């Protein structure tokens, strides 16, 4: 039996204070429109409850379907994978105002 936690898409609900609650690990290796519809409905329900929904470690196929449906701006997709050499995952580069433009 394979370890679902290493390959699955993770859904997390975020409350108004930034606290996170794990909702589910989904096997999105073969995504379809039913899954995109479910994610959109879960997002809507969480927003109505004053919370947000984050999607982590989405498969490339799921990301493409979400883009095709025009839901990229609606559904919060978080980056997955390994950081590049010399970078930390989830940390943006800090730019100082005195830095000259490239």
C-alpha atoms as a PDB file:
ATOM      1  CA  UNK A   1       0.000   0.000   0.000  1.00  0.00           C
ATOM      2  CA  UNK A   2       1.409   3.386  -0.940  1.00  0.00           C
ATOM      3  CA  UNK A   3       1.823   6.253   1.503  1.00  0.00           C
ATOM      4  CA  UNK A   4      -0.936   8.729   0.582  1.00  0.00           C
ATOM      5  CA  UNK A   5       0.608  11.577   2.570  1.00  0.00           C
ATOM      6  CA  UNK A   6       3.597  11.788   0.232  1.00  0.00           C
ATOM      7  CA  UNK A   7       1.637  11.905  -3.044  1.00  0.00           C
ATOM      8  CA  UNK A   8      -1.693  13.474  -2.109  1.00  0.00           C
ATOM      9  CA  UNK A   9      -3.101  16.944  -2.561  1.00  0.00           C
ATOM     10  CA  UNK A  10      -3.760  18.467   0.851  1.00  0.00           C
ATOM     11  CA  UNK A  11      -6.765  20.651   1.696  1.00  0.00           C
ATOM     12  CA  UNK A  12      -6.423  23.031   4.633  1.00  0.00           C
ATOM     13  CA  UNK A  13      -9.071  25.398   6.055  1.00  0.00           C
ATOM     14  CA  UNK A  14      -7.684  28.678   7.388  1.00  0.00           C
ATOM     15  CA  UNK A  15      -9.591  30.707   9.994  1.00  0.00           C
ATOM     16  CA  UNK A  16      -9.592  34.501  10.258  1.00  0.00           C
ATOM     17  CA  UNK A  17      -6.645  34.440  12.697  1.00  0.00           C
ATOM     18  CA  UNK A  18      -4.471  32.340  10.394  1.00  0.00           C
ATOM     19  CA  UNK A  19      -4.978  29.029  12.218  1.00  0.00           C
ATOM     20  CA  UNK A  20      -4.988  26.014   9.944  1.00  0.00           C
ATOM     21  CA  UNK A  21      -7.055  22.829  10.130  1.00  0.00           C
ATOM     22  CA  UNK A  22      -6.324  19.836   7.918  1.00  0.00           C
ATOM     23  CA  UNK A  23      -9.437  18.835   6.006  1.00  0.00           C
ATOM     24  CA  UNK A  24      -8.299  16.020   3.732  1.00  0.00           C
ATOM     25  CA  UNK A  25      -5.584  14.322   1.718  1.00  0.00           C
ATOM     26  CA  UNK A  26      -6.906  13.741  -1.815  1.00  0.00           C
ATOM     27  CA  UNK A  27      -5.554  11.416  -4.459  1.00  0.00           C
ATOM     28  CA  UNK A  28      -5.528  13.886  -7.336  1.00  0.00           C
ATOM     29  CA  UNK A  29      -3.248  11.859  -9.608  1.00  0.00           C
ATOM     30  CA  UNK A  30      -6.062  11.651 -12.214  1.00  0.00           C
ATOM     31  CA  UNK A  31      -8.065  14.839 -11.614  1.00  0.00           C
ATOM     32  CA  UNK A  32     -11.362  15.526 -13.341  1.00  0.00           C
ATOM     33  CA  UNK A  33     -14.040  18.217 -13.405  1.00  0.00           C
ATOM     34  CA  UNK A  34     -15.868  16.558 -10.503  1.00  0.00           C
ATOM     35  CA  UNK A  35     -12.840  17.232  -8.278  1.00  0.00           C
ATOM     36  CA  UNK A  36     -12.555  20.851  -9.465  1.00  0.00           C
ATOM     37  CA  UNK A  37     -16.281  21.317  -8.754  1.00  0.00           C
ATOM     38  CA  UNK A  38     -15.833  19.843  -5.267  1.00  0.00           C
ATOM     39  CA  UNK A  39     -12.903  22.174  -4.548  1.00  0.00           C
ATOM     40  CA  UNK A  40     -14.868  25.209  -5.749  1.00  0.00           C
ATOM     41  CA  UNK A  41     -17.855  24.239  -3.563  1.00  0.00           C
ATOM     42  CA  UNK A  42     -15.600  23.655  -0.544  1.00  0.00           C
ATOM     43  CA  UNK A  43     -13.990  27.050  -1.140  1.00  0.00           C
ATOM     44  CA  UNK A  44     -17.398  28.726  -1.307  1.00  0.00           C
ATOM     45  CA  UNK A  45     -18.584  27.001   1.886  1.00  0.00           C
ATOM     46  CA  UNK A  46     -15.431  27.972   3.761  1.00  0.00           C
ATOM     47  CA  UNK A  47     -15.725  31.615   2.596  1.00  0.00           C
ATOM     48  CA  UNK A  48     -19.353  31.723   3.754  1.00  0.00           C
ATOM     49  CA  UNK A  49     -18.118  30.539   7.146  1.00  0.00           C
ATOM     50  CA  UNK A  50     -15.553  33.338   7.290  1.00  0.00           C
ATOM     51  CA  UNK A  51     -12.608  31.077   6.505  1.00  0.00           C
ATOM     52  CA  UNK A  52     -10.456  30.206   3.522  1.00  0.00           C
ATOM     53  CA  UNK A  53      -9.408  27.018   1.757  1.00  0.00           C
ATOM     54  CA  UNK A  54      -5.823  26.308   0.711  1.00  0.00           C
ATOM     55  CA  UNK A  55      -4.777  23.586  -1.701  1.00  0.00           C
ATOM     56  CA  UNK A  56      -1.265  22.245  -1.194  1.00  0.00           C
ATOM     57  CA  UNK A  57       0.827  19.905  -3.320  1.00  0.00           C
ATOM     58  CA  UNK A  58      -1.598  19.922  -6.254  1.00  0.00           C
ATOM     59  CA  UNK A  59      -0.664  17.677  -9.154  1.00  0.00           C
ATOM     60  CA  UNK A  60       0.228  19.344 -12.469  1.00  0.00           C
ATOM     61  CA  UNK A  61      -2.975  17.921 -13.977  1.00  0.00           C
ATOM     62  CA  UNK A  62      -5.127  19.454 -11.246  1.00  0.00           C
ATOM     63  CA  UNK A  63      -3.390  22.812 -11.648  1.00  0.00           C
ATOM     64  CA  UNK A  64      -4.039  22.714 -15.414  1.00  0.00           C
ATOM     65  CA  UNK A  65      -7.736  21.930 -14.876  1.00  0.00           C
ATOM     66  CA  UNK A  66      -8.095  24.754 -12.353  1.00  0.00           C
ATOM     67  CA  UNK A  67      -6.436  27.132 -14.845  1.00  0.00           C
ATOM     68  CA  UNK A  68      -8.676  25.868 -17.662  1.00  0.00           C
ATOM     69  CA  UNK A  69     -11.765  26.609 -15.557  1.00  0.00           C
ATOM     70  CA  UNK A  70     -10.515  30.116 -14.763  1.00  0.00           C
ATOM     71  CA  UNK A  71     -10.429  29.408 -11.033  1.00  0.00           C
ATOM     72  CA  UNK A  72      -6.756  30.188 -10.461  1.00  0.00           C
ATOM     73  CA  UNK A  73      -7.599  33.523  -8.813  1.00  0.00           C
ATOM     74  CA  UNK A  74     -10.333  31.924  -6.687  1.00  0.00           C
ATOM     75  CA  UNK A  75      -8.746  28.724  -5.407  1.00  0.00           C
ATOM     76  CA  UNK A  76      -5.626  29.276  -3.299  1.00  0.00           C
ATOM     77  CA  UNK A  77      -2.969  26.974  -4.709  1.00  0.00           C
ATOM     78  CA  UNK A  78       0.172  26.791  -2.610  1.00  0.00           C
ATOM     79  CA  UNK A  79       3.519  25.955  -4.158  1.00  0.00           C
ATOM     80  CA  UNK A  80       4.811  22.470  -3.713  1.00  0.00           C
ATOM     81  CA  UNK A  81       8.100  20.800  -4.286  1.00  0.00           C
ATOM     82  CA  UNK A  82      11.593  21.563  -3.181  1.00  0.00           C
ATOM     83  CA  UNK A  83      13.078  25.064  -2.894  1.00  0.00           C
ATOM     84  CA  UNK A  84      15.767  26.064  -5.348  1.00  0.00           C
ATOM     85  CA  UNK A  85      19.379  26.017  -4.272  1.00  0.00           C
ATOM     86  CA  UNK A  86      19.970  28.715  -1.647  1.00  0.00           C
ATOM     87  CA  UNK A  87      16.257  29.417  -1.095  1.00  0.00           C
ATOM     88  CA  UNK A  88      13.763  28.475   1.557  1.00  0.00           C
ATOM     89  CA  UNK A  89      10.315  27.202   0.581  1.00  0.00           C
ATOM     90  CA  UNK A  90       7.673  29.876   1.240  1.00  0.00           C
ATOM     91  CA  UNK A  91      10.182  32.707   1.764  1.00  0.00           C
ATOM     92  CA  UNK A  92      10.111  35.560  -0.732  1.00  0.00           C
ATOM     93  CA  UNK A  93      13.165  37.629  -1.538  1.00  0.00           C
ATOM     94  CA  UNK A  94      13.395  40.820   0.470  1.00  0.00           C
ATOM     95  CA  UNK A  95      14.004  43.923  -1.608  1.00  0.00           C
ATOM     96  CA  UNK A  96      15.381  47.039   0.045  1.00  0.00           C
ATOM     97  CA  UNK A  97      14.135  50.368  -1.329  1.00  0.00           C
ATOM     98  CA  UNK A  98      17.741  51.488  -1.939  1.00  0.00           C
ATOM     99  CA  UNK A  99      18.470  48.506  -4.222  1.00  0.00           C
ATOM    100  CA  UNK A 100      18.914  49.569  -7.863  1.00  0.00           C
ATOM    101  CA  UNK A 101      16.549  47.931 -10.361  1.00  0.00           C
ATOM    102  CA  UNK A 102      17.936  45.136 -12.504  1.00  0.00           C
END
